[in-house]
Amino acid sequence: MTAPDEELDLKAALEKNAPYPMEAFAFVREGLDHTVRRLHGEMPEGPLDEEDVHQRHVDGGELSLGLLNFAIRKYGLMAETVLAHWSIIRTDDFGRIVFAMIEQGLMSKTDEDDLEDFFGVRPFSTAFSPATVKQTLLDIRLEERSADRAGG
């Protein structure tokens, strides 16, 4: 099977398990990396042992909040609109995407992880309220300024 055929099979399998476009799956994958870095720092160099992987694990609630933050970082005031375009309208949808990716071997989970961990974590109406988005964008700007001063 060629790489394009494998990509089509993966796309079909993912979309069969969760009715979201591939962009939604890519967003969740990128958002997972963002969330892990925010909570646990940059990846250590070299191979990770089982203990390292366990220590860098994020649960459904943490990932949901991280994905909301990532959406604002990436799309600003358009975050809710972009997610809605992909049929993501609540944190439950993040869970459905994650578990579809787990089923396809693209992500892993612990025995304690459950789809319901994603349910009702934070209503999008509050996560993307103008005041919340404005504060998140201000926090991002402060983080960037602080990093600029530390780096140079």
N, C-alpha and C. Protein backbone atom coordinates (compact mmCIF):
# COMPACT_ATOMS: atom_id res chain seq x y z
N MET A 1 0.85 -1.18 0.00
CA MET A 1 0.00 0.00 0.00
C MET A 1 0.89 1.24 0.00
N THR A 2 0.54 2.20 -0.81
CA THR A 2 1.34 3.41 -0.90
C THR A 2 0.96 4.38 0.20
N ALA A 3 1.82 5.35 0.42
CA ALA A 3 1.57 6.34 1.47
C ALA A 3 0.24 7.08 1.27
N PRO A 4 -0.11 7.53 0.05
CA PRO A 4 -1.42 8.18 -0.12
C PRO A 4 -2.58 7.25 0.21
N ASP A 5 -2.45 5.96 -0.14
CA ASP A 5 -3.51 5.00 0.19
C ASP A 5 -3.64 4.83 1.69
N GLU A 6 -2.49 4.76 2.39
CA GLU A 6 -2.52 4.66 3.84
C GLU A 6 -3.16 5.89 4.46
N GLU A 7 -2.86 7.06 3.91
CA GLU A 7 -3.45 8.30 4.41
C GLU A 7 -4.96 8.31 4.23
N LEU A 8 -5.43 7.83 3.08
CA LEU A 8 -6.87 7.76 2.83
C LEU A 8 -7.54 6.77 3.77
N ASP A 9 -6.88 5.61 4.03
CA ASP A 9 -7.43 4.64 4.97
C ASP A 9 -7.52 5.24 6.37
N LEU A 10 -6.50 5.96 6.78
CA LEU A 10 -6.49 6.59 8.10
C LEU A 10 -7.61 7.63 8.18
N LYS A 11 -7.72 8.44 7.15
CA LYS A 11 -8.77 9.47 7.12
C LYS A 11 -10.14 8.81 7.23
N ALA A 12 -10.37 7.77 6.45
CA ALA A 12 -11.66 7.08 6.47
C ALA A 12 -11.93 6.47 7.85
N ALA A 13 -10.92 5.85 8.43
CA ALA A 13 -11.09 5.23 9.75
C ALA A 13 -11.39 6.27 10.82
N LEU A 14 -10.67 7.37 10.79
CA LEU A 14 -10.90 8.41 11.79
C LEU A 14 -12.28 9.03 11.63
N GLU A 15 -12.63 9.36 10.40
CA GLU A 15 -13.92 10.01 10.18
C GLU A 15 -15.09 9.06 10.44
N LYS A 16 -14.86 7.74 10.28
CA LYS A 16 -15.90 6.77 10.59
C LYS A 16 -16.15 6.73 12.10
N ASN A 17 -15.09 6.83 12.87
CA ASN A 17 -15.21 6.76 14.33
C ASN A 17 -15.67 8.06 14.96
N ALA A 18 -15.40 9.16 14.31
CA ALA A 18 -15.80 10.46 14.84
C ALA A 18 -16.01 11.38 13.64
N PRO A 19 -17.19 11.97 13.52
CA PRO A 19 -17.53 12.73 12.30
C PRO A 19 -16.94 14.13 12.27
N TYR A 20 -15.63 14.19 12.25
CA TYR A 20 -14.92 15.47 12.24
C TYR A 20 -13.95 15.47 11.07
N PRO A 21 -13.66 16.63 10.49
CA PRO A 21 -12.70 16.68 9.39
C PRO A 21 -11.27 16.46 9.89
N MET A 22 -10.38 16.13 8.98
CA MET A 22 -8.99 15.87 9.34
C MET A 22 -8.34 17.06 10.05
N GLU A 23 -8.77 18.27 9.72
CA GLU A 23 -8.21 19.46 10.38
C GLU A 23 -8.46 19.41 11.88
N ALA A 24 -9.60 18.86 12.28
CA ALA A 24 -9.92 18.76 13.71
C ALA A 24 -8.96 17.78 14.40
N PHE A 25 -8.66 16.67 13.72
CA PHE A 25 -7.72 15.70 14.29
C PHE A 25 -6.32 16.31 14.39
N ALA A 26 -5.91 17.04 13.37
CA ALA A 26 -4.59 17.69 13.40
C ALA A 26 -4.53 18.73 14.52
N PHE A 27 -5.61 19.49 14.69
CA PHE A 27 -5.67 20.48 15.76
C PHE A 27 -5.50 19.81 17.13
N VAL A 28 -6.21 18.72 17.36
CA VAL A 28 -6.12 18.03 18.66
C VAL A 28 -4.71 17.49 18.87
N ARG A 29 -4.09 16.96 17.82
CA ARG A 29 -2.72 16.44 17.94
C ARG A 29 -1.75 17.56 18.32
N GLU A 30 -1.84 18.69 17.60
CA GLU A 30 -0.99 19.84 17.91
C GLU A 30 -1.31 20.38 19.30
N GLY A 31 -2.59 20.41 19.64
CA GLY A 31 -3.00 20.91 20.95
C GLY A 31 -2.53 20.04 22.09
N LEU A 32 -2.45 18.74 21.85
CA LEU A 32 -1.90 17.83 22.87
C LEU A 32 -0.44 18.20 23.14
N ASP A 33 0.33 18.38 22.08
CA ASP A 33 1.74 18.76 22.25
C ASP A 33 1.85 20.07 23.03
N HIS A 34 1.02 21.05 22.67
CA HIS A 34 0.98 22.35 23.35
C HIS A 34 0.68 22.16 24.84
N THR A 35 -0.33 21.36 25.14
CA THR A 35 -0.76 21.15 26.52
C THR A 35 0.32 20.47 27.35
N VAL A 36 0.92 19.44 26.79
CA VAL A 36 1.98 18.71 27.51
C VAL A 36 3.15 19.66 27.80
N ARG A 37 3.55 20.47 26.82
CA ARG A 37 4.65 21.42 27.03
C ARG A 37 4.30 22.44 28.11
N ARG A 38 3.07 22.95 28.09
CA ARG A 38 2.66 23.94 29.09
C ARG A 38 2.65 23.35 30.50
N LEU A 39 2.22 22.10 30.62
CA LEU A 39 2.09 21.49 31.95
C LEU A 39 3.39 20.83 32.44
N HIS A 40 4.19 20.30 31.50
CA HIS A 40 5.34 19.50 31.89
C HIS A 40 6.67 19.98 31.32
N GLY A 41 6.67 21.06 30.57
CA GLY A 41 7.90 21.58 29.99
C GLY A 41 8.24 20.87 28.69
N GLU A 42 9.34 21.31 28.12
CA GLU A 42 9.81 20.74 26.84
C GLU A 42 10.17 19.27 27.02
N MET A 43 10.12 18.53 25.92
CA MET A 43 10.48 17.11 25.94
C MET A 43 11.97 16.96 26.26
N PRO A 44 12.29 16.04 27.15
CA PRO A 44 13.71 15.77 27.39
C PRO A 44 14.33 15.12 26.16
N GLU A 45 15.63 15.31 26.01
CA GLU A 45 16.32 14.70 24.87
C GLU A 45 16.50 13.22 25.11
N GLY A 46 16.56 12.48 24.02
CA GLY A 46 16.76 11.04 24.12
C GLY A 46 15.45 10.30 24.27
N PRO A 47 15.55 8.98 24.33
CA PRO A 47 14.34 8.17 24.43
C PRO A 47 13.68 8.33 25.81
N LEU A 48 12.36 8.21 25.82
CA LEU A 48 11.60 8.29 27.07
C LEU A 48 11.35 6.88 27.58
N ASP A 49 11.54 6.69 28.89
CA ASP A 49 11.17 5.40 29.46
C ASP A 49 9.71 5.47 29.92
N GLU A 50 9.20 4.37 30.41
CA GLU A 50 7.79 4.30 30.78
C GLU A 50 7.44 5.31 31.87
N GLU A 51 8.34 5.53 32.81
CA GLU A 51 8.10 6.50 33.89
C GLU A 51 8.01 7.93 33.33
N ASP A 52 8.89 8.27 32.38
CA ASP A 52 8.84 9.59 31.74
C ASP A 52 7.50 9.81 31.05
N VAL A 53 7.06 8.79 30.33
CA VAL A 53 5.79 8.89 29.61
C VAL A 53 4.65 9.08 30.61
N HIS A 54 4.66 8.32 31.69
CA HIS A 54 3.61 8.43 32.71
C HIS A 54 3.59 9.82 33.35
N GLN A 55 4.78 10.37 33.61
CA GLN A 55 4.87 11.70 34.24
C GLN A 55 4.40 12.81 33.31
N ARG A 56 4.46 12.60 32.01
CA ARG A 56 4.06 13.62 31.04
C ARG A 56 2.61 13.44 30.57
N HIS A 57 1.91 12.50 31.14
CA HIS A 57 0.52 12.23 30.78
C HIS A 57 -0.39 13.39 31.19
N VAL A 58 -1.39 13.66 30.37
CA VAL A 58 -2.43 14.62 30.73
C VAL A 58 -3.78 13.90 30.67
N ASP A 59 -4.66 14.24 31.59
CA ASP A 59 -5.98 13.60 31.58
C ASP A 59 -6.94 14.39 30.70
N GLY A 60 -8.15 13.88 30.57
CA GLY A 60 -9.14 14.50 29.69
C GLY A 60 -9.47 15.93 30.06
N GLY A 61 -9.58 16.21 31.34
CA GLY A 61 -9.87 17.58 31.77
C GLY A 61 -8.74 18.53 31.45
N GLU A 62 -7.51 18.10 31.75
CA GLU A 62 -6.34 18.92 31.45
C GLU A 62 -6.21 19.16 29.95
N LEU A 63 -6.42 18.10 29.16
CA LEU A 63 -6.30 18.25 27.72
C LEU A 63 -7.40 19.17 27.18
N SER A 64 -8.61 19.04 27.68
CA SER A 64 -9.70 19.91 27.23
C SER A 64 -9.37 21.38 27.48
N LEU A 65 -8.90 21.69 28.68
CA LEU A 65 -8.55 23.08 28.99
C LEU A 65 -7.37 23.54 28.14
N GLY A 66 -6.40 22.65 27.93
CA GLY A 66 -5.27 22.99 27.08
C GLY A 66 -5.68 23.24 25.64
N LEU A 67 -6.64 22.46 25.13
CA LEU A 67 -7.12 22.65 23.77
C LEU A 67 -7.89 23.96 23.62
N LEU A 68 -8.65 24.33 24.64
CA LEU A 68 -9.34 25.62 24.61
C LEU A 68 -8.32 26.76 24.55
N ASN A 69 -7.28 26.66 25.37
CA ASN A 69 -6.22 27.66 25.38
C ASN A 69 -5.50 27.69 24.04
N PHE A 70 -5.19 26.53 23.51
CA PHE A 70 -4.50 26.43 22.22
C PHE A 70 -5.34 27.05 21.11
N ALA A 71 -6.65 26.82 21.14
CA ALA A 71 -7.53 27.40 20.12
C ALA A 71 -7.45 28.93 20.15
N ILE A 72 -7.47 29.50 21.35
CA ILE A 72 -7.37 30.96 21.46
C ILE A 72 -6.00 31.43 20.99
N ARG A 73 -4.95 30.73 21.36
CA ARG A 73 -3.61 31.09 20.92
C ARG A 73 -3.50 31.06 19.39
N LYS A 74 -4.08 30.04 18.80
CA LYS A 74 -3.94 29.84 17.36
C LYS A 74 -4.91 30.69 16.54
N TYR A 75 -6.13 30.86 17.03
CA TYR A 75 -7.16 31.52 16.23
C TYR A 75 -7.73 32.79 16.83
N GLY A 76 -7.29 33.14 18.04
CA GLY A 76 -7.74 34.39 18.67
C GLY A 76 -9.25 34.47 18.78
N LEU A 77 -9.79 35.60 18.40
CA LEU A 77 -11.24 35.82 18.51
C LEU A 77 -12.06 34.90 17.61
N MET A 78 -11.43 34.27 16.66
CA MET A 78 -12.12 33.35 15.76
C MET A 78 -12.11 31.90 16.25
N ALA A 79 -11.55 31.64 17.43
CA ALA A 79 -11.38 30.27 17.92
C ALA A 79 -12.68 29.49 17.94
N GLU A 80 -13.71 30.02 18.53
CA GLU A 80 -14.97 29.29 18.63
C GLU A 80 -15.56 29.03 17.24
N THR A 81 -15.45 29.99 16.35
CA THR A 81 -15.97 29.84 14.99
C THR A 81 -15.22 28.75 14.24
N VAL A 82 -13.90 28.72 14.36
CA VAL A 82 -13.10 27.70 13.68
C VAL A 82 -13.47 26.31 14.20
N LEU A 83 -13.53 26.17 15.52
CA LEU A 83 -13.89 24.86 16.08
C LEU A 83 -15.29 24.44 15.64
N ALA A 84 -16.23 25.37 15.65
CA ALA A 84 -17.60 25.05 15.24
C ALA A 84 -17.64 24.61 13.76
N HIS A 85 -16.79 25.23 12.95
CA HIS A 85 -16.70 24.83 11.53
C HIS A 85 -16.31 23.36 11.40
N TRP A 86 -15.55 22.87 12.36
CA TRP A 86 -15.13 21.47 12.37
C TRP A 86 -16.09 20.59 13.18
N SER A 87 -17.24 21.13 13.57
CA SER A 87 -18.25 20.43 14.38
C SER A 87 -17.79 20.17 15.81
N ILE A 88 -16.87 20.97 16.29
CA ILE A 88 -16.44 20.89 17.69
C ILE A 88 -17.16 22.02 18.42
N ILE A 89 -18.14 21.64 19.26
CA ILE A 89 -18.95 22.65 19.92
C ILE A 89 -18.94 22.52 21.44
N ARG A 90 -18.27 21.51 21.94
CA ARG A 90 -18.11 21.32 23.39
C ARG A 90 -16.92 20.41 23.64
N THR A 91 -16.48 20.36 24.88
CA THR A 91 -15.30 19.56 25.20
C THR A 91 -15.53 18.07 24.96
N ASP A 92 -16.77 17.63 24.98
CA ASP A 92 -17.09 16.23 24.66
C ASP A 92 -16.53 15.85 23.29
N ASP A 93 -16.59 16.81 22.35
CA ASP A 93 -16.08 16.55 21.00
C ASP A 93 -14.58 16.30 21.01
N PHE A 94 -13.85 17.01 21.87
CA PHE A 94 -12.41 16.74 22.00
C PHE A 94 -12.20 15.27 22.38
N GLY A 95 -12.99 14.80 23.34
CA GLY A 95 -12.87 13.42 23.78
C GLY A 95 -13.16 12.42 22.68
N ARG A 96 -14.18 12.69 21.89
CA ARG A 96 -14.51 11.78 20.79
C ARG A 96 -13.37 11.72 19.77
N ILE A 97 -12.76 12.85 19.51
CA ILE A 97 -11.62 12.88 18.59
C ILE A 97 -10.44 12.12 19.18
N VAL A 98 -10.13 12.38 20.44
CA VAL A 98 -9.01 11.69 21.10
C VAL A 98 -9.22 10.18 21.09
N PHE A 99 -10.41 9.73 21.43
CA PHE A 99 -10.64 8.29 21.50
C PHE A 99 -10.68 7.65 20.12
N ALA A 100 -11.08 8.38 19.10
CA ALA A 100 -10.97 7.86 17.73
C ALA A 100 -9.49 7.70 17.36
N MET A 101 -8.66 8.64 17.79
CA MET A 101 -7.22 8.55 17.51
C MET A 101 -6.59 7.41 18.31
N ILE A 102 -7.04 7.20 19.53
CA ILE A 102 -6.55 6.08 20.34
C ILE A 102 -6.90 4.77 19.65
N GLU A 103 -8.13 4.67 19.17
CA GLU A 103 -8.57 3.44 18.49
C GLU A 103 -7.73 3.14 17.26
N GLN A 104 -7.21 4.18 16.60
CA GLN A 104 -6.38 3.99 15.41
C GLN A 104 -4.89 3.89 15.75
N GLY A 105 -4.55 3.90 17.04
CA GLY A 105 -3.17 3.75 17.44
C GLY A 105 -2.35 5.02 17.31
N LEU A 106 -3.01 6.17 17.19
CA LEU A 106 -2.30 7.45 17.02
C LEU A 106 -2.04 8.15 18.35
N MET A 107 -2.72 7.73 19.38
CA MET A 107 -2.53 8.25 20.74
C MET A 107 -2.65 7.06 21.68
N SER A 108 -2.24 7.28 22.90
CA SER A 108 -2.36 6.21 23.89
C SER A 108 -3.13 6.73 25.09
N LYS A 109 -3.55 5.81 25.95
CA LYS A 109 -4.28 6.18 27.15
C LYS A 109 -3.85 5.27 28.28
N THR A 110 -4.15 5.71 29.48
CA THR A 110 -3.92 4.86 30.65
C THR A 110 -5.22 4.14 30.98
N ASP A 111 -5.15 3.20 31.91
CA ASP A 111 -6.35 2.47 32.32
C ASP A 111 -7.37 3.41 32.98
N GLU A 112 -6.89 4.51 33.53
CA GLU A 112 -7.78 5.46 34.21
C GLU A 112 -8.49 6.41 33.24
N ASP A 113 -8.00 6.55 32.03
CA ASP A 113 -8.58 7.49 31.06
C ASP A 113 -9.90 6.96 30.53
N ASP A 114 -10.86 7.88 30.41
CA ASP A 114 -12.19 7.52 29.95
C ASP A 114 -12.76 8.66 29.12
N LEU A 115 -13.56 8.34 28.14
CA LEU A 115 -14.19 9.35 27.30
C LEU A 115 -14.94 10.39 28.13
N GLU A 116 -15.58 9.95 29.18
CA GLU A 116 -16.38 10.85 30.02
C GLU A 116 -15.52 11.92 30.72
N ASP A 117 -14.20 11.71 30.79
CA ASP A 117 -13.32 12.71 31.39
C ASP A 117 -13.39 14.03 30.64
N PHE A 118 -13.82 13.99 29.39
CA PHE A 118 -13.89 15.19 28.55
C PHE A 118 -15.25 15.90 28.63
N PHE A 119 -16.23 15.23 29.20
CA PHE A 119 -17.59 15.74 29.15
C PHE A 119 -17.78 16.92 30.11
N GLY A 120 -18.28 18.02 29.57
CA GLY A 120 -18.65 19.17 30.38
C GLY A 120 -17.52 19.84 31.13
N VAL A 121 -16.30 19.76 30.62
CA VAL A 121 -15.16 20.35 31.32
C VAL A 121 -15.33 21.86 31.46
N ARG A 122 -15.67 22.52 30.37
CA ARG A 122 -15.91 23.96 30.41
C ARG A 122 -16.81 24.34 29.24
N PRO A 123 -17.89 25.01 29.51
CA PRO A 123 -18.78 25.42 28.40
C PRO A 123 -18.04 26.37 27.46
N PHE A 124 -18.25 26.17 26.17
CA PHE A 124 -17.62 27.04 25.19
C PHE A 124 -18.10 28.48 25.35
N SER A 125 -19.32 28.66 25.83
CA SER A 125 -19.84 30.02 26.00
C SER A 125 -19.00 30.82 27.00
N THR A 126 -18.43 30.17 28.00
CA THR A 126 -17.54 30.88 28.93
C THR A 126 -16.10 30.84 28.45
N ALA A 127 -15.69 29.72 27.86
CA ALA A 127 -14.30 29.59 27.40
C ALA A 127 -13.96 30.61 26.33
N PHE A 128 -14.94 30.94 25.50
CA PHE A 128 -14.70 31.86 24.39
C PHE A 128 -15.45 33.18 24.53
N SER A 129 -15.83 33.51 25.76
CA SER A 129 -16.47 34.81 25.96
C SER A 129 -15.44 35.89 25.62
N PRO A 130 -15.88 37.05 25.17
CA PRO A 130 -14.92 38.11 24.83
C PRO A 130 -13.95 38.43 25.97
N ALA A 131 -14.43 38.46 27.19
CA ALA A 131 -13.55 38.77 28.32
C ALA A 131 -12.49 37.69 28.51
N THR A 132 -12.88 36.43 28.38
CA THR A 132 -11.92 35.32 28.54
C THR A 132 -10.89 35.33 27.43
N VAL A 133 -11.34 35.52 26.20
CA VAL A 133 -10.41 35.54 25.07
C VAL A 133 -9.45 36.71 25.22
N LYS A 134 -9.96 37.88 25.59
CA LYS A 134 -9.11 39.05 25.77
C LYS A 134 -8.06 38.79 26.84
N GLN A 135 -8.47 38.21 27.98
CA GLN A 135 -7.52 37.94 29.06
C GLN A 135 -6.48 36.91 28.63
N THR A 136 -6.92 35.87 27.93
CA THR A 136 -5.98 34.85 27.45
C THR A 136 -4.96 35.45 26.50
N LEU A 137 -5.42 36.31 25.58
CA LEU A 137 -4.49 36.94 24.64
C LEU A 137 -3.52 37.87 25.36
N LEU A 138 -3.99 38.57 26.39
CA LEU A 138 -3.08 39.40 27.19
C LEU A 138 -2.05 38.54 27.92
N ASP A 139 -2.49 37.42 28.47
CA ASP A 139 -1.57 36.50 29.16
C ASP A 139 -0.52 35.97 28.19
N ILE A 140 -0.93 35.65 26.98
CA ILE A 140 0.01 35.16 25.96
C ILE A 140 1.05 36.23 25.66
N ARG A 141 0.58 37.45 25.49
CA ARG A 141 1.51 38.55 25.20
C ARG A 141 2.51 38.74 26.35
N LEU A 142 2.04 38.65 27.60
CA LEU A 142 2.94 38.76 28.75
C LEU A 142 3.95 37.61 28.77
N GLU A 143 3.50 36.41 28.48
CA GLU A 143 4.41 35.25 28.42
C GLU A 143 5.49 35.48 27.35
N GLU A 144 5.07 35.96 26.20
CA GLU A 144 6.01 36.18 25.11
C GLU A 144 7.03 37.26 25.47
N ARG A 145 6.56 38.33 26.09
CA ARG A 145 7.49 39.40 26.51
C ARG A 145 8.47 38.88 27.55
N SER A 146 7.96 38.11 28.49
CA SER A 146 8.83 37.55 29.52
C SER A 146 9.87 36.62 28.91
N ALA A 147 9.46 35.81 27.95
CA ALA A 147 10.40 34.91 27.27
C ALA A 147 11.43 35.70 26.47
N ASP A 148 10.98 36.78 25.83
CA ASP A 148 11.92 37.63 25.05
C ASP A 148 12.97 38.23 25.98
N ARG A 149 12.54 38.70 27.13
CA ARG A 149 13.50 39.31 28.09
C ARG A 149 14.46 38.26 28.64
N ALA A 150 13.96 37.08 28.90
CA ALA A 150 14.81 36.01 29.43
C ALA A 150 15.82 35.52 28.39
N GLY A 151 15.39 35.53 27.12
CA GLY A 151 16.24 35.00 26.06
C GLY A 151 17.20 36.01 25.48
N GLY A 152 17.00 37.26 25.73
CA GLY A 152 17.90 38.17 25.04
C GLY A 152 17.81 39.49 25.58
